[in-house]
């Protein structure tokens, strides 16, 4: 039986509730698929900062580094001190955010299936901000290495999908920084002659995600653009409650739902756990890819099927128009996985 150690950041707000539902699903995989998980608590976030004076203690970083992967629920105001820091510390250069139509979930179009591949380590998110003459200057870093690396990831992913890449930038205004990013994407495209390649300005991309989302396959873009466009893309297929993501590096990955801590519904059993459960599917698929473990791929497929079936059965939290609680959605998916 395969056993993996998973660092868990329960986070803030609805984090503990959705984490509990997700761990229940992972536990259900042991008997049927022979995959088990040792969950290692890795405290981080607002509550931890209030208690210990730092949002991401070194002990949690050590636990994460010593695990096979990390599953992270949302944190609150300390996100920059937790996930942004971890992305850079662990060189998790690719942020992968899929948006796909789900059964019986309101969707702008019936055939949306796209992935935003977002550069995850630089851009304005490096946090280089300085006081300057009565204002603030924020330095935006775009490098050839990071741009080429994320373009390679996007094209490799497109080779496994519908073979179409759109590079999103704003090079008509940011001629040097986005111009560099655009050139790197174009250079990488020449090494993938079987993949259709085009470019789109970020404002046009925002419009076309609404106008014709079904035409997108893989979008490759910079850090901030990807952050904004991925939330828009999430709303096309039912909202942040069903939107998973992964932060992937060469040898490690952190998996997290796209949504935030939602303190307004924390403790009310209303949070949708589907985003983090689909996030765990991405983790299982990454373990399959990196550990060559077929049981992880089978388990991921079973969980996805169970999520779809639970939605068809009408087991939905209020954000999707249902009345089920967080725990009830998790329990329904566990039963379907175990059947």
C-alpha atoms as a PDB file:
ATOM      1  CA  UNK A   1       0.000   0.000   0.000  1.00  0.00           C
ATOM      2  CA  UNK A   2       1.316   3.422  -0.990  1.00  0.00           C
ATOM      3  CA  UNK A   3       1.564   5.933   1.856  1.00  0.00           C
ATOM      4  CA  UNK A   4       2.216   9.627   1.451  1.00  0.00           C
ATOM      5  CA  UNK A   5       2.927  12.332   3.985  1.00  0.00           C
ATOM      6  CA  UNK A   6       0.841  15.434   3.399  1.00  0.00           C
ATOM      7  CA  UNK A   7       1.462  18.730   5.184  1.00  0.00           C
ATOM      8  CA  UNK A   8      -1.881  20.383   5.945  1.00  0.00           C
ATOM      9  CA  UNK A   9      -2.374  24.104   6.430  1.00  0.00           C
ATOM     10  CA  UNK A  10      -5.917  24.388   7.822  1.00  0.00           C
ATOM     11  CA  UNK A  11      -5.803  28.156   7.492  1.00  0.00           C
ATOM     12  CA  UNK A  12      -8.388  30.663   8.668  1.00  0.00           C
ATOM     13  CA  UNK A  13     -12.112  31.312   8.312  1.00  0.00           C
ATOM     14  CA  UNK A  14     -13.730  28.362   6.551  1.00  0.00           C
ATOM     15  CA  UNK A  15     -10.372  26.616   6.236  1.00  0.00           C
ATOM     16  CA  UNK A  16     -10.793  24.083   9.050  1.00  0.00           C
ATOM     17  CA  UNK A  17     -14.310  23.139   7.868  1.00  0.00           C
ATOM     18  CA  UNK A  18     -13.404  22.457   4.264  1.00  0.00           C
ATOM     19  CA  UNK A  19     -10.149  20.769   5.303  1.00  0.00           C
ATOM     20  CA  UNK A  20     -12.088  18.314   7.446  1.00  0.00           C
ATOM     21  CA  UNK A  21     -14.378  17.433   4.538  1.00  0.00           C
ATOM     22  CA  UNK A  22     -11.413  16.935   2.216  1.00  0.00           C
ATOM     23  CA  UNK A  23      -9.455  14.763   4.650  1.00  0.00           C
ATOM     24  CA  UNK A  24     -12.547  12.591   4.990  1.00  0.00           C
ATOM     25  CA  UNK A  25     -12.484  11.998   1.236  1.00  0.00           C
ATOM     26  CA  UNK A  26      -8.756  11.208   1.258  1.00  0.00           C
ATOM     27  CA  UNK A  27      -9.263   8.747   4.113  1.00  0.00           C
ATOM     28  CA  UNK A  28     -11.894   6.933   2.045  1.00  0.00           C
ATOM     29  CA  UNK A  29      -9.304   6.097  -0.632  1.00  0.00           C
ATOM     30  CA  UNK A  30      -7.311   3.728   1.574  1.00  0.00           C
ATOM     31  CA  UNK A  31      -9.519   0.657   1.397  1.00  0.00           C
ATOM     32  CA  UNK A  32     -10.573   0.848  -2.227  1.00  0.00           C
ATOM     33  CA  UNK A  33      -7.406   2.135  -3.900  1.00  0.00           C
ATOM     34  CA  UNK A  34      -4.633   1.271  -1.479  1.00  0.00           C
ATOM     35  CA  UNK A  35      -3.550   4.887  -1.066  1.00  0.00           C
ATOM     36  CA  UNK A  36      -3.131   6.269   2.433  1.00  0.00           C
ATOM     37  CA  UNK A  37      -2.052   9.609   3.794  1.00  0.00           C
ATOM     38  CA  UNK A  38      -0.282  10.696   6.938  1.00  0.00           C
ATOM     39  CA  UNK A  39      -1.590  14.206   7.555  1.00  0.00           C
ATOM     40  CA  UNK A  40       0.910  16.513   9.240  1.00  0.00           C
ATOM     41  CA  UNK A  41      -0.499  19.685  10.750  1.00  0.00           C
ATOM     42  CA  UNK A  42       1.402  22.771   9.578  1.00  0.00           C
ATOM     43  CA  UNK A  43      -0.128  25.807  11.293  1.00  0.00           C
ATOM     44  CA  UNK A  44      -0.029  29.081   9.345  1.00  0.00           C
ATOM     45  CA  UNK A  45      -2.162  32.161   8.845  1.00  0.00           C
ATOM     46  CA  UNK A  46      -3.882  34.890  10.816  1.00  0.00           C
ATOM     47  CA  UNK A  47      -4.609  32.836  13.916  1.00  0.00           C
ATOM     48  CA  UNK A  48      -1.045  31.591  14.081  1.00  0.00           C
ATOM     49  CA  UNK A  49       0.297  35.114  13.759  1.00  0.00           C
ATOM     50  CA  UNK A  50      -1.952  36.260  16.598  1.00  0.00           C
ATOM     51  CA  UNK A  51      -0.755  33.401  18.795  1.00  0.00           C
ATOM     52  CA  UNK A  52       2.921  33.188  17.869  1.00  0.00           C
ATOM     53  CA  UNK A  53       3.765  36.524  16.306  1.00  0.00           C
ATOM     54  CA  UNK A  54       4.489  35.099  12.849  1.00  0.00           C
ATOM     55  CA  UNK A  55       2.141  33.797  10.191  1.00  0.00           C
ATOM     56  CA  UNK A  56       4.442  31.063   8.915  1.00  0.00           C
ATOM     57  CA  UNK A  57       6.563  29.527  11.709  1.00  0.00           C
ATOM     58  CA  UNK A  58       9.807  27.816  10.740  1.00  0.00           C
ATOM     59  CA  UNK A  59       8.466  24.582  12.255  1.00  0.00           C
ATOM     60  CA  UNK A  60       5.649  24.595   9.707  1.00  0.00           C
ATOM     61  CA  UNK A  61       8.073  25.302   6.867  1.00  0.00           C
ATOM     62  CA  UNK A  62      10.182  22.327   8.000  1.00  0.00           C
ATOM     63  CA  UNK A  63       7.111  20.071   8.117  1.00  0.00           C
ATOM     64  CA  UNK A  64       6.125  21.147   4.605  1.00  0.00           C
ATOM     65  CA  UNK A  65       9.615  20.556   3.211  1.00  0.00           C
ATOM     66  CA  UNK A  66       9.741  17.084   4.777  1.00  0.00           C
ATOM     67  CA  UNK A  67       6.394  16.002   3.282  1.00  0.00           C
ATOM     68  CA  UNK A  68       5.522  14.538  -0.105  1.00  0.00           C
ATOM     69  CA  UNK A  69       3.158  17.436  -0.834  1.00  0.00           C
ATOM     70  CA  UNK A  70       1.221  20.189   0.911  1.00  0.00           C
ATOM     71  CA  UNK A  71      -2.537  20.722   0.984  1.00  0.00           C
ATOM     72  CA  UNK A  72      -3.437  24.259   1.966  1.00  0.00           C
ATOM     73  CA  UNK A  73      -6.773  25.775   2.918  1.00  0.00           C
ATOM     74  CA  UNK A  74      -7.153  29.562   2.596  1.00  0.00           C
ATOM     75  CA  UNK A  75      -5.579  31.969   5.060  1.00  0.00           C
ATOM     76  CA  UNK A  76      -6.785  35.487   5.763  1.00  0.00           C
ATOM     77  CA  UNK A  77      -4.923  38.793   5.753  1.00  0.00           C
ATOM     78  CA  UNK A  78      -1.537  37.069   6.027  1.00  0.00           C
ATOM     79  CA  UNK A  79      -1.684  35.474   2.571  1.00  0.00           C
ATOM     80  CA  UNK A  80       1.407  37.379   1.432  1.00  0.00           C
ATOM     81  CA  UNK A  81       3.285  36.059   4.463  1.00  0.00           C
ATOM     82  CA  UNK A  82       2.193  32.476   3.868  1.00  0.00           C
ATOM     83  CA  UNK A  83       1.447  31.315   0.339  1.00  0.00           C
ATOM     84  CA  UNK A  84       3.321  34.045  -1.549  1.00  0.00           C
ATOM     85  CA  UNK A  85       6.333  33.410   0.666  1.00  0.00           C
ATOM     86  CA  UNK A  86       6.106  29.641   0.186  1.00  0.00           C
ATOM     87  CA  UNK A  87       5.828  29.987  -3.578  1.00  0.00           C
ATOM     88  CA  UNK A  88       9.080  31.919  -3.691  1.00  0.00           C
ATOM     89  CA  UNK A  89      10.850  29.949  -0.951  1.00  0.00           C
ATOM     90  CA  UNK A  90      10.127  26.597  -2.629  1.00  0.00           C
ATOM     91  CA  UNK A  91      10.385  27.957  -6.181  1.00  0.00           C
ATOM     92  CA  UNK A  92       6.865  26.855  -7.059  1.00  0.00           C
ATOM     93  CA  UNK A  93       6.976  28.641 -10.362  1.00  0.00           C
ATOM     94  CA  UNK A  94       3.755  27.403 -11.998  1.00  0.00           C
ATOM     95  CA  UNK A  95       0.317  28.262 -10.663  1.00  0.00           C
ATOM     96  CA  UNK A  96      -2.218  26.026 -12.392  1.00  0.00           C
ATOM     97  CA  UNK A  97      -5.878  27.047 -12.257  1.00  0.00           C
ATOM     98  CA  UNK A  98      -8.379  24.991 -14.275  1.00  0.00           C
ATOM     99  CA  UNK A  99     -11.935  26.139 -14.967  1.00  0.00           C
ATOM    100  CA  UNK A 100     -14.277  23.451 -16.236  1.00  0.00           C
ATOM    101  CA  UNK A 101     -18.046  23.163 -16.557  1.00  0.00           C
ATOM    102  CA  UNK A 102     -19.486  20.814 -13.924  1.00  0.00           C
ATOM    103  CA  UNK A 103     -22.797  18.930 -14.082  1.00  0.00           C
ATOM    104  CA  UNK A 104     -25.816  20.790 -12.718  1.00  0.00           C
ATOM    105  CA  UNK A 105     -23.745  23.848 -11.845  1.00  0.00           C
ATOM    106  CA  UNK A 106     -24.643  27.169 -13.518  1.00  0.00           C
ATOM    107  CA  UNK A 107     -22.070  27.908 -16.227  1.00  0.00           C
ATOM    108  CA  UNK A 108     -21.812  30.710 -18.768  1.00  0.00           C
ATOM    109  CA  UNK A 109     -21.342  28.169 -21.565  1.00  0.00           C
ATOM    110  CA  UNK A 110     -21.853  24.395 -21.495  1.00  0.00           C
ATOM    111  CA  UNK A 111     -18.413  23.454 -22.842  1.00  0.00           C
ATOM    112  CA  UNK A 112     -15.866  25.460 -20.842  1.00  0.00           C
ATOM    113  CA  UNK A 113     -12.634  23.593 -20.198  1.00  0.00           C
ATOM    114  CA  UNK A 114      -9.625  25.877 -19.861  1.00  0.00           C
ATOM    115  CA  UNK A 115      -6.514  26.153 -17.719  1.00  0.00           C
ATOM    116  CA  UNK A 116      -4.716  29.333 -16.713  1.00  0.00           C
ATOM    117  CA  UNK A 117      -0.982  28.738 -16.327  1.00  0.00           C
ATOM    118  CA  UNK A 118       0.305  31.635 -14.262  1.00  0.00           C
ATOM    119  CA  UNK A 119       3.939  32.518 -13.586  1.00  0.00           C
ATOM    120  CA  UNK A 120       4.150  32.300  -9.816  1.00  0.00           C
ATOM    121  CA  UNK A 121       7.428  33.743  -8.539  1.00  0.00           C
ATOM    122  CA  UNK A 122       7.930  37.284  -9.833  1.00  0.00           C
ATOM    123  CA  UNK A 123       6.056  40.296 -11.277  1.00  0.00           C
ATOM    124  CA  UNK A 124       4.685  42.811  -8.741  1.00  0.00           C
ATOM    125  CA  UNK A 125       4.152  39.968  -6.287  1.00  0.00           C
ATOM    126  CA  UNK A 126       7.807  40.037  -5.301  1.00  0.00           C
ATOM    127  CA  UNK A 127       6.655  42.880  -3.058  1.00  0.00           C
ATOM    128  CA  UNK A 128       9.332  45.417  -3.938  1.00  0.00           C
ATOM    129  CA  UNK A 129       7.499  48.615  -2.960  1.00  0.00           C
ATOM    130  CA  UNK A 130       9.182  51.820  -1.854  1.00  0.00           C
ATOM    131  CA  UNK A 131       8.211  55.279  -0.652  1.00  0.00           C
ATOM    132  CA  UNK A 132       9.074  57.881  -3.255  1.00  0.00           C
ATOM    133  CA  UNK A 133       8.459  61.637  -3.258  1.00  0.00           C
ATOM    134  CA  UNK A 134       5.052  61.557  -1.590  1.00  0.00           C
ATOM    135  CA  UNK A 135       3.984  58.326  -3.272  1.00  0.00           C
ATOM    136  CA  UNK A 136       4.903  54.674  -3.701  1.00  0.00           C
ATOM    137  CA  UNK A 137       6.945  52.953  -6.403  1.00  0.00           C
ATOM    138  CA  UNK A 138       6.326  49.238  -7.024  1.00  0.00           C
ATOM    139  CA  UNK A 139       8.970  47.431  -9.062  1.00  0.00           C
ATOM    140  CA  UNK A 140       7.763  44.821 -11.536  1.00  0.00           C
ATOM    141  CA  UNK A 141      10.242  42.060 -12.330  1.00  0.00           C
ATOM    142  CA  UNK A 142       9.887  39.956 -15.492  1.00  0.00           C
ATOM    143  CA  UNK A 143      12.828  37.730 -16.441  1.00  0.00           C
ATOM    144  CA  UNK A 144      13.723  35.609 -19.438  1.00  0.00           C
ATOM    145  CA  UNK A 145      14.262  32.541 -17.269  1.00  0.00           C
ATOM    146  CA  UNK A 146      10.902  32.693 -15.493  1.00  0.00           C
ATOM    147  CA  UNK A 147       8.985  33.632 -18.644  1.00  0.00           C
ATOM    148  CA  UNK A 148      10.524  30.813 -20.669  1.00  0.00           C
ATOM    149  CA  UNK A 149       9.989  28.314 -17.864  1.00  0.00           C
ATOM    150  CA  UNK A 150       6.283  29.073 -17.503  1.00  0.00           C
ATOM    151  CA  UNK A 151       5.810  29.085 -21.280  1.00  0.00           C
ATOM    152  CA  UNK A 152       7.405  25.636 -21.450  1.00  0.00           C
ATOM    153  CA  UNK A 153       5.010  24.403 -18.782  1.00  0.00           C
ATOM    154  CA  UNK A 154       2.020  25.825 -20.643  1.00  0.00           C
ATOM    155  CA  UNK A 155       2.981  24.310 -23.973  1.00  0.00           C
ATOM    156  CA  UNK A 156       3.753  20.917 -22.396  1.00  0.00           C
ATOM    157  CA  UNK A 157       0.305  20.984 -20.796  1.00  0.00           C
ATOM    158  CA  UNK A 158      -1.343  21.974 -24.080  1.00  0.00           C
ATOM    159  CA  UNK A 159       0.309  18.990 -25.782  1.00  0.00           C
ATOM    160  CA  UNK A 160      -1.724  16.790 -23.414  1.00  0.00           C
ATOM    161  CA  UNK A 161      -4.952  18.733 -24.005  1.00  0.00           C
ATOM    162  CA  UNK A 162      -6.422  20.418 -27.099  1.00  0.00           C
ATOM    163  CA  UNK A 163      -3.121  21.823 -28.346  1.00  0.00           C
ATOM    164  CA  UNK A 164      -3.885  25.522 -28.154  1.00  0.00           C
ATOM    165  CA  UNK A 165      -1.988  28.202 -26.204  1.00  0.00           C
ATOM    166  CA  UNK A 166      -2.842  31.880 -25.803  1.00  0.00           C
ATOM    167  CA  UNK A 167      -0.138  34.093 -24.281  1.00  0.00           C
ATOM    168  CA  UNK A 168      -1.726  37.003 -22.405  1.00  0.00           C
ATOM    169  CA  UNK A 169       0.197  40.234 -21.807  1.00  0.00           C
ATOM    170  CA  UNK A 170       0.049  44.010 -22.295  1.00  0.00           C
ATOM    171  CA  UNK A 171       3.098  44.586 -24.470  1.00  0.00           C
ATOM    172  CA  UNK A 172       1.519  47.495 -26.343  1.00  0.00           C
ATOM    173  CA  UNK A 173       1.938  49.565 -23.170  1.00  0.00           C
ATOM    174  CA  UNK A 174       4.485  47.690 -21.040  1.00  0.00           C
ATOM    175  CA  UNK A 175       6.815  47.305 -23.980  1.00  0.00           C
ATOM    176  CA  UNK A 176       9.879  46.100 -22.122  1.00  0.00           C
ATOM    177  CA  UNK A 177       8.496  43.829 -19.371  1.00  0.00           C
ATOM    178  CA  UNK A 178       5.500  42.336 -21.155  1.00  0.00           C
ATOM    179  CA  UNK A 179       7.397  42.593 -24.411  1.00  0.00           C
ATOM    180  CA  UNK A 180      10.000  40.233 -22.941  1.00  0.00           C
ATOM    181  CA  UNK A 181       7.316  37.838 -21.729  1.00  0.00           C
ATOM    182  CA  UNK A 182       5.644  37.822 -25.141  1.00  0.00           C
ATOM    183  CA  UNK A 183       8.934  37.130 -26.941  1.00  0.00           C
ATOM    184  CA  UNK A 184       9.725  34.224 -24.631  1.00  0.00           C
ATOM    185  CA  UNK A 185       6.326  32.658 -25.273  1.00  0.00           C
ATOM    186  CA  UNK A 186       6.740  33.069 -29.009  1.00  0.00           C
ATOM    187  CA  UNK A 187      10.206  31.503 -28.885  1.00  0.00           C
ATOM    188  CA  UNK A 188       8.879  28.487 -26.993  1.00  0.00           C
ATOM    189  CA  UNK A 189       6.023  28.138 -29.483  1.00  0.00           C
ATOM    190  CA  UNK A 190       8.514  27.407 -32.273  1.00  0.00           C
ATOM    191  CA  UNK A 191       9.491  24.221 -30.435  1.00  0.00           C
ATOM    192  CA  UNK A 192       5.868  23.043 -30.403  1.00  0.00           C
ATOM    193  CA  UNK A 193       4.768  23.123 -34.050  1.00  0.00           C
ATOM    194  CA  UNK A 194       1.740  20.966 -33.277  1.00  0.00           C
ATOM    195  CA  UNK A 195       0.315  23.508 -30.838  1.00  0.00           C
ATOM    196  CA  UNK A 196      -1.642  26.479 -32.140  1.00  0.00           C
ATOM    197  CA  UNK A 197      -0.262  29.701 -30.658  1.00  0.00           C
ATOM    198  CA  UNK A 198      -1.684  33.201 -30.432  1.00  0.00           C
ATOM    199  CA  UNK A 199      -1.291  36.310 -28.291  1.00  0.00           C
ATOM    200  CA  UNK A 200      -3.924  38.457 -26.607  1.00  0.00           C
ATOM    201  CA  UNK A 201      -3.787  41.688 -24.654  1.00  0.00           C
ATOM    202  CA  UNK A 202      -4.977  41.230 -21.092  1.00  0.00           C
ATOM    203  CA  UNK A 203      -7.980  43.532 -21.458  1.00  0.00           C
ATOM    204  CA  UNK A 204      -9.081  41.646 -24.574  1.00  0.00           C
ATOM    205  CA  UNK A 205      -8.559  38.368 -22.742  1.00  0.00           C
ATOM    206  CA  UNK A 206     -10.820  39.559 -19.915  1.00  0.00           C
ATOM    207  CA  UNK A 207     -13.513  40.387 -22.465  1.00  0.00           C
ATOM    208  CA  UNK A 208     -13.127  37.181 -24.462  1.00  0.00           C
ATOM    209  CA  UNK A 209     -13.334  34.999 -21.371  1.00  0.00           C
ATOM    210  CA  UNK A 210     -16.906  36.279 -21.154  1.00  0.00           C
ATOM    211  CA  UNK A 211     -17.604  36.368 -24.883  1.00  0.00           C
ATOM    212  CA  UNK A 212     -16.183  33.005 -25.963  1.00  0.00           C
ATOM    213  CA  UNK A 213     -14.728  31.042 -23.026  1.00  0.00           C
ATOM    214  CA  UNK A 214     -15.217  27.725 -24.808  1.00  0.00           C
ATOM    215  CA  UNK A 215     -12.501  28.647 -27.311  1.00  0.00           C
ATOM    216  CA  UNK A 216      -9.743  28.815 -24.717  1.00  0.00           C
ATOM    217  CA  UNK A 217      -7.590  25.801 -23.899  1.00  0.00           C
ATOM    218  CA  UNK A 218      -4.376  26.908 -22.129  1.00  0.00           C
ATOM    219  CA  UNK A 219      -3.735  30.531 -21.182  1.00  0.00           C
ATOM    220  CA  UNK A 220      -0.154  31.389 -20.238  1.00  0.00           C
ATOM    221  CA  UNK A 221       0.385  34.681 -18.478  1.00  0.00           C
ATOM    222  CA  UNK A 222       2.255  36.642 -15.845  1.00  0.00           C
ATOM    223  CA  UNK A 223       1.618  36.571 -12.121  1.00  0.00           C
ATOM    224  CA  UNK A 224      -0.823  39.428 -11.549  1.00  0.00           C
ATOM    225  CA  UNK A 225      -2.768  38.997 -14.793  1.00  0.00           C
ATOM    226  CA  UNK A 226      -3.168  35.305 -14.022  1.00  0.00           C
ATOM    227  CA  UNK A 227      -4.414  36.021 -10.516  1.00  0.00           C
ATOM    228  CA  UNK A 228      -7.133  38.335 -11.806  1.00  0.00           C
ATOM    229  CA  UNK A 229      -8.170  36.349 -14.887  1.00  0.00           C
ATOM    230  CA  UNK A 230      -8.398  33.079 -12.964  1.00  0.00           C
ATOM    231  CA  UNK A 231     -11.002  34.522 -10.588  1.00  0.00           C
ATOM    232  CA  UNK A 232     -12.984  35.686 -13.609  1.00  0.00           C
ATOM    233  CA  UNK A 233     -12.670  32.244 -15.187  1.00  0.00           C
ATOM    234  CA  UNK A 234     -13.830  30.627 -11.929  1.00  0.00           C
ATOM    235  CA  UNK A 235     -17.035  32.625 -12.002  1.00  0.00           C
ATOM    236  CA  UNK A 236     -17.791  31.333 -15.500  1.00  0.00           C
ATOM    237  CA  UNK A 237     -18.194  27.777 -14.178  1.00  0.00           C
ATOM    238  CA  UNK A 238     -19.950  28.302 -10.856  1.00  0.00           C
ATOM    239  CA  UNK A 239     -17.687  30.434  -8.723  1.00  0.00           C
ATOM    240  CA  UNK A 240     -14.716  30.128  -6.419  1.00  0.00           C
ATOM    241  CA  UNK A 241     -16.394  27.353  -4.435  1.00  0.00           C
ATOM    242  CA  UNK A 242     -15.654  24.865  -7.219  1.00  0.00           C
ATOM    243  CA  UNK A 243     -12.256  26.181  -8.322  1.00  0.00           C
ATOM    244  CA  UNK A 244      -9.052  24.278  -7.460  1.00  0.00           C
ATOM    245  CA  UNK A 245      -5.421  25.196  -8.052  1.00  0.00           C
ATOM    246  CA  UNK A 246      -1.860  23.954  -7.734  1.00  0.00           C
ATOM    247  CA  UNK A 247       1.501  25.625  -7.123  1.00  0.00           C
ATOM    248  CA  UNK A 248       4.062  23.429  -8.848  1.00  0.00           C
ATOM    249  CA  UNK A 249       7.850  23.433  -8.810  1.00  0.00           C
ATOM    250  CA  UNK A 250      10.505  21.030 -10.029  1.00  0.00           C
ATOM    251  CA  UNK A 251      10.323  18.735  -6.986  1.00  0.00           C
ATOM    252  CA  UNK A 252       7.467  19.906  -4.792  1.00  0.00           C
ATOM    253  CA  UNK A 253       3.930  21.266  -4.995  1.00  0.00           C
ATOM    254  CA  UNK A 254       1.353  22.993  -2.797  1.00  0.00           C
ATOM    255  CA  UNK A 255      -2.322  22.508  -3.594  1.00  0.00           C
ATOM    256  CA  UNK A 256      -4.980  25.024  -2.565  1.00  0.00           C
ATOM    257  CA  UNK A 257      -8.490  26.133  -3.518  1.00  0.00           C
ATOM    258  CA  UNK A 258      -8.586  29.454  -5.349  1.00  0.00           C
ATOM    259  CA  UNK A 259     -11.003  31.068  -2.886  1.00  0.00           C
ATOM    260  CA  UNK A 260     -10.199  32.973   0.277  1.00  0.00           C
ATOM    261  CA  UNK A 261     -10.993  32.410   3.949  1.00  0.00           C
ATOM    262  CA  UNK A 262     -14.573  33.807   3.707  1.00  0.00           C
ATOM    263  CA  UNK A 263     -14.811  34.904   7.359  1.00  0.00           C
ATOM    264  CA  UNK A 264     -18.427  36.007   6.842  1.00  0.00           C
ATOM    265  CA  UNK A 265     -19.580  32.380   6.597  1.00  0.00           C
ATOM    266  CA  UNK A 266     -16.973  30.753   8.842  1.00  0.00           C
ATOM    267  CA  UNK A 267     -18.544  28.371  11.339  1.00  0.00           C
ATOM    268  CA  UNK A 268     -21.916  28.411   9.596  1.00  0.00           C
ATOM    269  CA  UNK A 269     -21.427  25.116   7.694  1.00  0.00           C
ATOM    270  CA  UNK A 270     -22.123  26.922   4.399  1.00  0.00           C
ATOM    271  CA  UNK A 271     -18.664  26.728   2.802  1.00  0.00           C
ATOM    272  CA  UNK A 272     -18.405  24.656  -0.357  1.00  0.00           C
ATOM    273  CA  UNK A 273     -15.727  21.954   0.046  1.00  0.00           C
ATOM    274  CA  UNK A 274     -15.720  21.004  -3.639  1.00  0.00           C
ATOM    275  CA  UNK A 275     -12.881  23.399  -4.490  1.00  0.00           C
ATOM    276  CA  UNK A 276     -10.512  21.822  -1.976  1.00  0.00           C
ATOM    277  CA  UNK A 277     -11.693  18.302  -2.852  1.00  0.00           C
ATOM    278  CA  UNK A 278     -10.978  18.940  -6.542  1.00  0.00           C
ATOM    279  CA  UNK A 279      -7.680  20.447  -5.389  1.00  0.00           C
ATOM    280  CA  UNK A 280      -6.884  17.117  -3.732  1.00  0.00           C
ATOM    281  CA  UNK A 281      -7.551  15.471  -7.120  1.00  0.00           C
ATOM    282  CA  UNK A 282      -4.854  17.688  -8.614  1.00  0.00           C
ATOM    283  CA  UNK A 283      -2.572  16.547  -5.796  1.00  0.00           C
ATOM    284  CA  UNK A 284      -3.322  12.895  -6.542  1.00  0.00           C
ATOM    285  CA  UNK A 285      -2.652  13.442 -10.241  1.00  0.00           C
ATOM    286  CA  UNK A 286       0.651  15.150  -9.404  1.00  0.00           C
ATOM    287  CA  UNK A 287       1.616  12.193  -7.181  1.00  0.00           C
ATOM    288  CA  UNK A 288       0.772   9.862 -10.048  1.00  0.00           C
ATOM    289  CA  UNK A 289       2.967  11.867 -12.389  1.00  0.00           C
ATOM    290  CA  UNK A 290       5.918  12.273 -10.024  1.00  0.00           C
ATOM    291  CA  UNK A 291       5.764   8.902  -8.197  1.00  0.00           C
ATOM    292  CA  UNK A 292       4.517   6.787 -11.117  1.00  0.00           C
ATOM    293  CA  UNK A 293       1.741   5.474  -8.864  1.00  0.00           C
ATOM    294  CA  UNK A 294      -1.242   4.283 -10.889  1.00  0.00           C
ATOM    295  CA  UNK A 295      -3.384   4.001  -7.772  1.00  0.00           C
ATOM    296  CA  UNK A 296      -3.208   7.780  -7.346  1.00  0.00           C
ATOM    297  CA  UNK A 297      -4.517   8.320 -10.873  1.00  0.00           C
ATOM    298  CA  UNK A 298      -7.349   5.852 -10.268  1.00  0.00           C
ATOM    299  CA  UNK A 299      -8.210   7.518  -6.963  1.00  0.00           C
ATOM    300  CA  UNK A 300      -8.243  10.981  -8.568  1.00  0.00           C
ATOM    301  CA  UNK A 301     -10.598   9.788 -11.307  1.00  0.00           C
ATOM    302  CA  UNK A 302     -12.893   8.227  -8.714  1.00  0.00           C
ATOM    303  CA  UNK A 303     -13.052  11.404  -6.628  1.00  0.00           C
ATOM    304  CA  UNK A 304     -13.812  13.540  -9.697  1.00  0.00           C
ATOM    305  CA  UNK A 305     -16.579  11.139 -10.675  1.00  0.00           C
ATOM    306  CA  UNK A 306     -17.964  11.259  -7.135  1.00  0.00           C
ATOM    307  CA  UNK A 307     -17.982  15.064  -7.147  1.00  0.00           C
ATOM    308  CA  UNK A 308     -19.866  15.080 -10.445  1.00  0.00           C
ATOM    309  CA  UNK A 309     -22.330  12.470  -9.225  1.00  0.00           C
ATOM    310  CA  UNK A 310     -22.992  14.346  -5.981  1.00  0.00           C
ATOM    311  CA  UNK A 311     -23.804  17.467  -7.998  1.00  0.00           C
ATOM    312  CA  UNK A 312     -26.143  15.473 -10.245  1.00  0.00           C
ATOM    313  CA  UNK A 313     -27.876  14.236  -7.075  1.00  0.00           C
ATOM    314  CA  UNK A 314     -28.389  17.842  -5.972  1.00  0.00           C
ATOM    315  CA  UNK A 315     -26.081  17.741  -2.958  1.00  0.00           C
ATOM    316  CA  UNK A 316     -25.046  21.400  -3.054  1.00  0.00           C
ATOM    317  CA  UNK A 317     -24.087  24.127  -0.630  1.00  0.00           C
ATOM    318  CA  UNK A 318     -25.946  27.485  -0.727  1.00  0.00           C
ATOM    319  CA  UNK A 319     -23.487  29.108  -3.165  1.00  0.00           C
ATOM    320  CA  UNK A 320     -24.727  26.641  -5.797  1.00  0.00           C
ATOM    321  CA  UNK A 321     -28.371  27.037  -4.866  1.00  0.00           C
ATOM    322  CA  UNK A 322     -28.566  24.064  -2.506  1.00  0.00           C
ATOM    323  CA  UNK A 323     -29.172  23.541   1.199  1.00  0.00           C
ATOM    324  CA  UNK A 324     -26.479  20.982   2.084  1.00  0.00           C
ATOM    325  CA  UNK A 325     -23.879  21.749   4.715  1.00  0.00           C
ATOM    326  CA  UNK A 326     -20.144  21.555   4.209  1.00  0.00           C
ATOM    327  CA  UNK A 327     -20.025  18.237   6.051  1.00  0.00           C
ATOM    328  CA  UNK A 328     -22.996  16.820   4.136  1.00  0.00           C
ATOM    329  CA  UNK A 329     -21.306  17.471   0.797  1.00  0.00           C
ATOM    330  CA  UNK A 330     -18.140  15.817   2.058  1.00  0.00           C
ATOM    331  CA  UNK A 331     -20.067  12.807   3.404  1.00  0.00           C
ATOM    332  CA  UNK A 332     -21.937  12.364   0.118  1.00  0.00           C
ATOM    333  CA  UNK A 333     -18.696  12.320  -1.840  1.00  0.00           C
ATOM    334  CA  UNK A 334     -17.126   9.857   0.631  1.00  0.00           C
ATOM    335  CA  UNK A 335     -20.065   7.467   0.191  1.00  0.00           C
ATOM    336  CA  UNK A 336     -19.845   7.678  -3.595  1.00  0.00           C
ATOM    337  CA  UNK A 337     -16.091   7.093  -3.586  1.00  0.00           C
ATOM    338  CA  UNK A 338     -16.492   4.104  -1.262  1.00  0.00           C
ATOM    339  CA  UNK A 339     -19.399   2.516  -3.156  1.00  0.00           C
END
